[in-house]
Amino acid sequence: MKIQTAVASLSLLILFSSISVASDVNMNPGLWKWTAVLDMPGMPMQLPPTSYTTCITKANFVPKDSKLGQTCETIDLKTEGDRVSWSITCTQQAGVTKSQGNITYHGDTAEGVIQVSVEGMQMNSKTTGIRLGHCEK
């Protein structure tokens, strides 16, 4: 009986400590501007950088370019220190987009790498972020 109690207590401790760790990522919530430099293998020239803004919160660390008609599901989300990694699948009229990546936050800045697969095409993205201020309500 003591072993079962110890295992249950340890399980709860691990669960609560992982929740606590996720909220300890060095990221200041707010409106963030993300800039991605895309690299498509086999492409003869460099694509121009793309930018978008999105609200990042302690509950939602993953930068997503919100597009109408797109439904996204986060498959896997992990935090290790200030690094957040994920896998996401998005469905829209044009098809399915899958991405996996990681971002390391540094308070008001961030950088990372995202791999995107769209209908058989592979893209890699070096992504940087900067906090612009508070999110609009």
N, C-alpha and C. Protein backbone atom coordinates (compact mmCIF):
# COMPACT_ATOMS: atom_id res chain seq x y z
N MET A 1 0.82 -1.20 0.00
CA MET A 1 0.00 0.00 0.00
C MET A 1 0.87 1.26 0.00
N LYS A 2 1.97 1.26 0.77
CA LYS A 2 2.85 2.42 0.80
C LYS A 2 3.49 2.67 -0.55
N ILE A 3 3.80 1.61 -1.29
CA ILE A 3 4.41 1.75 -2.61
C ILE A 3 3.42 2.43 -3.56
N GLN A 4 2.14 2.03 -3.52
CA GLN A 4 1.12 2.65 -4.38
C GLN A 4 0.96 4.13 -4.06
N THR A 5 0.98 4.47 -2.79
CA THR A 5 0.86 5.87 -2.37
C THR A 5 2.08 6.65 -2.84
N ALA A 6 3.26 6.07 -2.71
CA ALA A 6 4.48 6.75 -3.15
C ALA A 6 4.48 6.96 -4.66
N VAL A 7 4.05 5.95 -5.42
CA VAL A 7 3.98 6.06 -6.88
C VAL A 7 2.97 7.14 -7.28
N ALA A 8 1.81 7.15 -6.63
CA ALA A 8 0.80 8.17 -6.93
C ALA A 8 1.31 9.56 -6.60
N SER A 9 1.98 9.72 -5.48
CA SER A 9 2.53 11.02 -5.09
C SER A 9 3.61 11.47 -6.06
N LEU A 10 4.48 10.55 -6.47
CA LEU A 10 5.54 10.87 -7.42
C LEU A 10 4.94 11.28 -8.77
N SER A 11 3.90 10.57 -9.21
CA SER A 11 3.24 10.90 -10.47
C SER A 11 2.65 12.31 -10.43
N LEU A 12 2.00 12.66 -9.33
CA LEU A 12 1.44 14.01 -9.19
C LEU A 12 2.54 15.07 -9.16
N LEU A 13 3.64 14.77 -8.47
CA LEU A 13 4.77 15.70 -8.41
C LEU A 13 5.33 15.95 -9.80
N ILE A 14 5.52 14.88 -10.58
CA ILE A 14 6.04 15.04 -11.95
C ILE A 14 5.06 15.85 -12.79
N LEU A 15 3.76 15.56 -12.69
CA LEU A 15 2.76 16.31 -13.46
C LEU A 15 2.81 17.79 -13.11
N PHE A 16 2.79 18.13 -11.84
CA PHE A 16 2.78 19.53 -11.44
C PHE A 16 4.10 20.23 -11.73
N SER A 17 5.22 19.51 -11.64
CA SER A 17 6.49 20.16 -11.94
C SER A 17 6.61 20.42 -13.43
N SER A 18 6.05 19.57 -14.30
CA SER A 18 6.11 19.85 -15.74
C SER A 18 5.21 21.02 -16.11
N ILE A 19 4.09 21.19 -15.42
CA ILE A 19 3.23 22.35 -15.65
C ILE A 19 3.96 23.61 -15.21
N SER A 20 4.62 23.55 -14.07
CA SER A 20 5.38 24.69 -13.57
C SER A 20 6.51 25.07 -14.52
N VAL A 21 7.22 24.09 -15.08
CA VAL A 21 8.32 24.36 -15.99
C VAL A 21 7.83 25.10 -17.22
N ALA A 22 6.67 24.70 -17.77
CA ALA A 22 6.15 25.35 -18.97
C ALA A 22 5.90 26.83 -18.72
N SER A 23 5.45 27.20 -17.52
CA SER A 23 5.19 28.61 -17.26
C SER A 23 6.47 29.39 -16.95
N ASP A 24 7.60 28.69 -16.77
CA ASP A 24 8.85 29.36 -16.46
C ASP A 24 9.69 29.70 -17.68
N VAL A 25 9.18 29.46 -18.88
CA VAL A 25 9.92 29.82 -20.10
C VAL A 25 10.15 31.33 -20.09
N ASN A 26 11.38 31.75 -20.41
CA ASN A 26 11.74 33.17 -20.40
C ASN A 26 11.15 33.89 -21.62
N MET A 27 9.83 34.08 -21.60
CA MET A 27 9.10 34.71 -22.69
C MET A 27 8.14 35.72 -22.09
N ASN A 28 8.20 36.95 -22.59
CA ASN A 28 7.27 37.97 -22.15
C ASN A 28 6.05 37.95 -23.06
N PRO A 29 4.87 37.63 -22.50
CA PRO A 29 3.65 37.54 -23.32
C PRO A 29 3.34 38.87 -23.99
N GLY A 30 2.68 38.77 -25.13
CA GLY A 30 2.25 39.97 -25.84
C GLY A 30 2.18 39.76 -27.33
N LEU A 31 2.15 40.87 -28.06
CA LEU A 31 2.12 40.84 -29.51
C LEU A 31 3.55 40.68 -30.02
N TRP A 32 3.78 39.66 -30.82
CA TRP A 32 5.11 39.35 -31.34
C TRP A 32 5.11 39.45 -32.86
N LYS A 33 6.21 39.96 -33.41
CA LYS A 33 6.42 39.95 -34.85
C LYS A 33 7.41 38.84 -35.15
N TRP A 34 7.03 37.95 -36.06
CA TRP A 34 7.86 36.82 -36.45
C TRP A 34 8.32 37.00 -37.88
N THR A 35 9.60 36.76 -38.14
CA THR A 35 10.16 36.85 -39.49
C THR A 35 10.81 35.51 -39.80
N ALA A 36 10.42 34.96 -40.95
CA ALA A 36 10.93 33.66 -41.37
C ALA A 36 11.70 33.79 -42.68
N VAL A 37 12.90 33.22 -42.69
CA VAL A 37 13.69 33.13 -43.91
C VAL A 37 13.57 31.68 -44.38
N LEU A 38 12.86 31.50 -45.51
CA LEU A 38 12.56 30.16 -46.00
C LEU A 38 13.65 29.64 -46.93
N ASP A 39 13.89 28.35 -46.81
CA ASP A 39 14.82 27.67 -47.69
C ASP A 39 14.11 26.44 -48.24
N MET A 40 13.96 26.39 -49.57
CA MET A 40 13.37 25.23 -50.21
C MET A 40 14.46 24.49 -50.98
N PRO A 41 14.78 23.27 -50.57
CA PRO A 41 15.80 22.50 -51.29
C PRO A 41 15.46 22.41 -52.78
N GLY A 42 16.45 22.65 -53.63
CA GLY A 42 16.24 22.59 -55.07
C GLY A 42 15.79 23.90 -55.69
N MET A 43 15.49 24.88 -54.87
CA MET A 43 15.06 26.19 -55.38
C MET A 43 16.31 26.96 -55.82
N PRO A 44 16.33 27.48 -57.06
CA PRO A 44 17.54 28.13 -57.56
C PRO A 44 17.87 29.46 -56.90
N MET A 45 16.89 30.10 -56.26
CA MET A 45 17.16 31.39 -55.62
C MET A 45 16.54 31.43 -54.24
N GLN A 46 17.06 32.31 -53.41
CA GLN A 46 16.56 32.49 -52.04
C GLN A 46 15.21 33.20 -52.07
N LEU A 47 14.24 32.67 -51.34
CA LEU A 47 12.94 33.32 -51.22
C LEU A 47 13.06 34.52 -50.28
N PRO A 48 12.26 35.57 -50.50
CA PRO A 48 12.31 36.72 -49.59
C PRO A 48 11.73 36.35 -48.22
N PRO A 49 12.20 37.00 -47.16
CA PRO A 49 11.66 36.74 -45.82
C PRO A 49 10.17 37.08 -45.75
N THR A 50 9.44 36.35 -44.91
CA THR A 50 8.04 36.65 -44.67
C THR A 50 7.87 37.02 -43.20
N SER A 51 6.91 37.89 -42.92
CA SER A 51 6.66 38.32 -41.53
C SER A 51 5.17 38.27 -41.23
N TYR A 52 4.86 38.07 -39.97
CA TYR A 52 3.49 38.13 -39.49
C TYR A 52 3.53 38.45 -38.00
N THR A 53 2.41 38.90 -37.46
CA THR A 53 2.31 39.16 -36.03
C THR A 53 1.27 38.24 -35.42
N THR A 54 1.49 37.88 -34.18
CA THR A 54 0.54 37.04 -33.46
C THR A 54 0.72 37.26 -31.96
N CYS A 55 -0.33 37.01 -31.23
CA CYS A 55 -0.30 37.14 -29.78
C CYS A 55 0.26 35.85 -29.18
N ILE A 56 1.30 35.98 -28.37
CA ILE A 56 1.92 34.83 -27.70
C ILE A 56 1.63 34.96 -26.20
N THR A 57 1.17 33.86 -25.61
CA THR A 57 0.85 33.85 -24.18
C THR A 57 1.63 32.73 -23.49
N LYS A 58 1.61 32.71 -22.18
CA LYS A 58 2.25 31.64 -21.42
C LYS A 58 1.56 30.30 -21.68
N ALA A 59 0.30 30.34 -22.11
CA ALA A 59 -0.42 29.11 -22.42
C ALA A 59 -0.26 28.70 -23.88
N ASN A 60 0.20 29.62 -24.74
CA ASN A 60 0.34 29.33 -26.17
C ASN A 60 1.65 29.92 -26.68
N PHE A 61 2.72 29.12 -26.59
CA PHE A 61 4.07 29.57 -26.95
C PHE A 61 4.35 29.51 -28.45
N VAL A 62 3.58 28.72 -29.19
CA VAL A 62 3.91 28.41 -30.58
C VAL A 62 3.47 29.55 -31.51
N PRO A 63 4.42 30.12 -32.26
CA PRO A 63 4.05 31.17 -33.21
C PRO A 63 3.30 30.60 -34.40
N LYS A 64 2.09 31.09 -34.65
CA LYS A 64 1.27 30.61 -35.76
C LYS A 64 0.78 31.80 -36.55
N ASP A 65 0.87 31.70 -37.86
CA ASP A 65 0.32 32.71 -38.75
C ASP A 65 -1.15 32.37 -38.94
N SER A 66 -2.04 33.11 -38.28
CA SER A 66 -3.47 32.81 -38.33
C SER A 66 -4.02 33.15 -39.71
N LYS A 67 -4.53 32.15 -40.38
CA LYS A 67 -5.13 32.34 -41.69
C LYS A 67 -6.58 31.88 -41.63
N LEU A 68 -7.45 32.59 -42.34
CA LEU A 68 -8.85 32.19 -42.39
C LEU A 68 -8.98 30.85 -43.09
N GLY A 69 -9.93 30.04 -42.63
CA GLY A 69 -10.18 28.76 -43.25
C GLY A 69 -9.15 27.69 -42.91
N GLN A 70 -8.38 27.90 -41.86
CA GLN A 70 -7.34 26.95 -41.47
C GLN A 70 -7.61 26.46 -40.06
N THR A 71 -7.60 25.15 -39.87
CA THR A 71 -7.77 24.55 -38.56
C THR A 71 -6.49 23.81 -38.21
N CYS A 72 -5.91 24.15 -37.07
CA CYS A 72 -4.63 23.54 -36.68
C CYS A 72 -4.78 22.74 -35.39
N GLU A 73 -4.04 21.64 -35.33
CA GLU A 73 -4.03 20.80 -34.15
C GLU A 73 -2.57 20.59 -33.72
N THR A 74 -2.28 20.93 -32.47
CA THR A 74 -0.94 20.70 -31.93
C THR A 74 -0.86 19.25 -31.51
N ILE A 75 0.06 18.51 -32.11
CA ILE A 75 0.21 17.09 -31.85
C ILE A 75 1.12 16.86 -30.65
N ASP A 76 2.20 17.63 -30.57
CA ASP A 76 3.20 17.42 -29.54
C ASP A 76 3.77 18.77 -29.15
N LEU A 77 3.83 19.07 -27.87
CA LEU A 77 4.38 20.33 -27.38
C LEU A 77 5.24 20.02 -26.17
N LYS A 78 6.50 20.47 -26.23
CA LYS A 78 7.42 20.23 -25.12
C LYS A 78 8.16 21.51 -24.79
N THR A 79 8.52 21.66 -23.52
CA THR A 79 9.38 22.76 -23.11
C THR A 79 10.58 22.19 -22.37
N GLU A 80 11.74 22.73 -22.68
CA GLU A 80 12.97 22.40 -21.98
C GLU A 80 13.68 23.71 -21.72
N GLY A 81 13.66 24.17 -20.49
CA GLY A 81 14.23 25.48 -20.18
C GLY A 81 13.47 26.55 -20.94
N ASP A 82 14.17 27.33 -21.76
CA ASP A 82 13.53 28.39 -22.54
C ASP A 82 13.21 27.95 -23.96
N ARG A 83 13.40 26.67 -24.25
CA ARG A 83 13.17 26.13 -25.59
C ARG A 83 11.82 25.44 -25.65
N VAL A 84 11.04 25.78 -26.66
CA VAL A 84 9.73 25.18 -26.89
C VAL A 84 9.80 24.44 -28.22
N SER A 85 9.37 23.18 -28.24
CA SER A 85 9.34 22.42 -29.50
C SER A 85 7.93 21.86 -29.69
N TRP A 86 7.57 21.61 -30.96
CA TRP A 86 6.21 21.20 -31.28
C TRP A 86 6.14 20.47 -32.61
N SER A 87 4.97 19.83 -32.81
CA SER A 87 4.54 19.30 -34.10
C SER A 87 3.09 19.74 -34.27
N ILE A 88 2.76 20.28 -35.44
CA ILE A 88 1.41 20.79 -35.71
C ILE A 88 0.96 20.30 -37.08
N THR A 89 -0.33 19.98 -37.18
CA THR A 89 -0.95 19.67 -38.46
C THR A 89 -2.08 20.67 -38.68
N CYS A 90 -2.06 21.35 -39.84
CA CYS A 90 -3.10 22.33 -40.18
C CYS A 90 -3.83 21.86 -41.43
N THR A 91 -5.15 21.98 -41.42
CA THR A 91 -5.97 21.60 -42.55
C THR A 91 -6.68 22.84 -43.08
N GLN A 92 -6.62 23.00 -44.39
CA GLN A 92 -7.31 24.10 -45.05
C GLN A 92 -7.82 23.61 -46.39
N GLN A 93 -8.52 24.45 -47.12
CA GLN A 93 -9.10 24.04 -48.39
C GLN A 93 -8.04 23.52 -49.36
N ALA A 94 -6.86 24.12 -49.36
CA ALA A 94 -5.80 23.74 -50.30
C ALA A 94 -5.11 22.42 -49.91
N GLY A 95 -5.30 21.94 -48.70
CA GLY A 95 -4.67 20.69 -48.29
C GLY A 95 -4.17 20.73 -46.86
N VAL A 96 -3.27 19.81 -46.56
CA VAL A 96 -2.75 19.64 -45.21
C VAL A 96 -1.31 20.15 -45.14
N THR A 97 -1.03 20.91 -44.10
CA THR A 97 0.32 21.39 -43.84
C THR A 97 0.77 20.82 -42.51
N LYS A 98 1.97 20.25 -42.49
CA LYS A 98 2.54 19.72 -41.25
C LYS A 98 3.80 20.50 -40.96
N SER A 99 3.99 20.82 -39.69
CA SER A 99 5.23 21.51 -39.31
C SER A 99 5.71 20.99 -37.97
N GLN A 100 7.01 21.07 -37.83
CA GLN A 100 7.62 20.80 -36.53
C GLN A 100 8.75 21.80 -36.38
N GLY A 101 8.96 22.21 -35.17
CA GLY A 101 9.99 23.21 -34.97
C GLY A 101 10.33 23.41 -33.53
N ASN A 102 11.22 24.37 -33.32
CA ASN A 102 11.58 24.75 -31.97
C ASN A 102 11.96 26.23 -31.95
N ILE A 103 11.62 26.87 -30.87
CA ILE A 103 11.91 28.28 -30.65
C ILE A 103 12.56 28.39 -29.27
N THR A 104 13.61 29.18 -29.18
CA THR A 104 14.21 29.49 -27.89
C THR A 104 13.90 30.95 -27.58
N TYR A 105 13.26 31.19 -26.46
CA TYR A 105 12.87 32.54 -26.06
C TYR A 105 13.94 33.17 -25.17
N HIS A 106 14.10 34.49 -25.32
CA HIS A 106 15.04 35.28 -24.52
C HIS A 106 14.34 36.54 -24.01
N GLY A 107 13.20 36.38 -23.33
CA GLY A 107 12.46 37.54 -22.83
C GLY A 107 11.65 38.19 -23.94
N ASP A 108 12.22 39.22 -24.59
CA ASP A 108 11.51 39.95 -25.65
C ASP A 108 11.97 39.58 -27.06
N THR A 109 12.86 38.58 -27.19
CA THR A 109 13.31 38.11 -28.50
C THR A 109 13.28 36.58 -28.51
N ALA A 110 13.37 36.02 -29.71
CA ALA A 110 13.38 34.56 -29.85
C ALA A 110 13.97 34.19 -31.20
N GLU A 111 14.47 32.94 -31.28
CA GLU A 111 14.90 32.43 -32.57
C GLU A 111 14.72 30.93 -32.58
N GLY A 112 14.59 30.40 -33.80
CA GLY A 112 14.42 28.96 -33.91
C GLY A 112 14.39 28.49 -35.35
N VAL A 113 14.03 27.24 -35.51
CA VAL A 113 13.98 26.59 -36.81
C VAL A 113 12.66 25.85 -36.93
N ILE A 114 12.04 25.97 -38.10
CA ILE A 114 10.77 25.29 -38.35
C ILE A 114 10.88 24.55 -39.68
N GLN A 115 10.47 23.28 -39.69
CA GLN A 115 10.40 22.49 -40.92
C GLN A 115 8.93 22.35 -41.29
N VAL A 116 8.61 22.66 -42.55
CA VAL A 116 7.23 22.65 -43.01
C VAL A 116 7.11 21.71 -44.21
N SER A 117 6.05 20.92 -44.22
CA SER A 117 5.74 20.04 -45.35
C SER A 117 4.34 20.40 -45.86
N VAL A 118 4.29 20.81 -47.13
CA VAL A 118 3.02 21.19 -47.75
C VAL A 118 2.87 20.38 -49.03
N GLU A 119 1.91 19.47 -49.04
CA GLU A 119 1.62 18.68 -50.24
C GLU A 119 2.90 18.13 -50.90
N GLY A 120 3.76 17.54 -50.10
CA GLY A 120 4.97 16.91 -50.62
C GLY A 120 6.18 17.84 -50.77
N MET A 121 5.98 19.15 -50.66
CA MET A 121 7.10 20.10 -50.73
C MET A 121 7.65 20.32 -49.33
N GLN A 122 8.97 20.32 -49.20
CA GLN A 122 9.61 20.54 -47.91
C GLN A 122 10.23 21.93 -47.87
N MET A 123 10.05 22.63 -46.77
CA MET A 123 10.67 23.93 -46.57
C MET A 123 11.27 23.97 -45.17
N ASN A 124 12.38 24.67 -45.06
CA ASN A 124 13.00 24.92 -43.76
C ASN A 124 12.96 26.42 -43.53
N SER A 125 12.78 26.81 -42.31
CA SER A 125 12.65 28.22 -41.99
C SER A 125 13.50 28.57 -40.77
N LYS A 126 14.36 29.56 -40.91
CA LYS A 126 15.02 30.15 -39.75
C LYS A 126 14.12 31.30 -39.33
N THR A 127 13.65 31.24 -38.11
CA THR A 127 12.63 32.18 -37.64
C THR A 127 13.15 32.99 -36.46
N THR A 128 12.90 34.30 -36.50
CA THR A 128 13.22 35.16 -35.37
C THR A 128 11.96 35.90 -34.94
N GLY A 129 11.90 36.23 -33.68
CA GLY A 129 10.74 36.94 -33.15
C GLY A 129 11.16 38.07 -32.24
N ILE A 130 10.33 39.10 -32.23
CA ILE A 130 10.56 40.23 -31.32
C ILE A 130 9.20 40.69 -30.78
N ARG A 131 9.16 40.93 -29.48
CA ARG A 131 7.92 41.39 -28.84
C ARG A 131 7.70 42.84 -29.17
N LEU A 132 6.49 43.16 -29.65
CA LEU A 132 6.15 44.53 -30.03
C LEU A 132 5.42 45.29 -28.93
N GLY A 133 4.74 44.58 -28.06
CA GLY A 133 3.96 45.25 -27.01
C GLY A 133 2.84 44.34 -26.54
N HIS A 134 1.77 44.96 -26.05
CA HIS A 134 0.63 44.19 -25.54
C HIS A 134 -0.27 43.76 -26.68
N CYS A 135 -0.98 42.66 -26.45
CA CYS A 135 -1.95 42.16 -27.43
C CYS A 135 -3.19 43.05 -27.42
N GLU A 136 -3.78 43.20 -28.60
CA GLU A 136 -5.03 43.95 -28.67
C GLU A 136 -6.14 43.04 -28.15
N LYS A 137 -7.09 43.64 -27.48
CA LYS A 137 -8.18 42.84 -26.90
C LYS A 137 -9.37 42.82 -27.79
